[in-house]
């Protein structure tokens, strides 16, 4: 995905994550979103699938994307990190994938 693919001589830039989520399902209330709990570096985290969409063009069915939020267990309704996963379901992600997604996550920003 690029920000402008009409000029082949122009260097491509990645599309911002929130722009890619343009046609997504609305964010779910934190208490209603599917969630999992995992431990990382002596801290317990709650990861939630807060939104979903597909990335693709034309007749391409696209890749399923999940918008994930990470909150500390002691403050479950206050996400502090966010990430995008190529997956259709939170349960399909392995523990190793969740740890990797957390490592690549960025600070949560309110929409």
Foldseek 3Di string as FASTA:
>chain_A
DFPDPPDVVDDGDDDDPVVQCVPKDAFDQLVPFDWDWDDDPNFIKIKGQRIWDFDDDDPDPGFIKTKIFIDTPVCSRDTFWIFIDRDNDPVVDDPVRVVVRRVVIDTDDDD
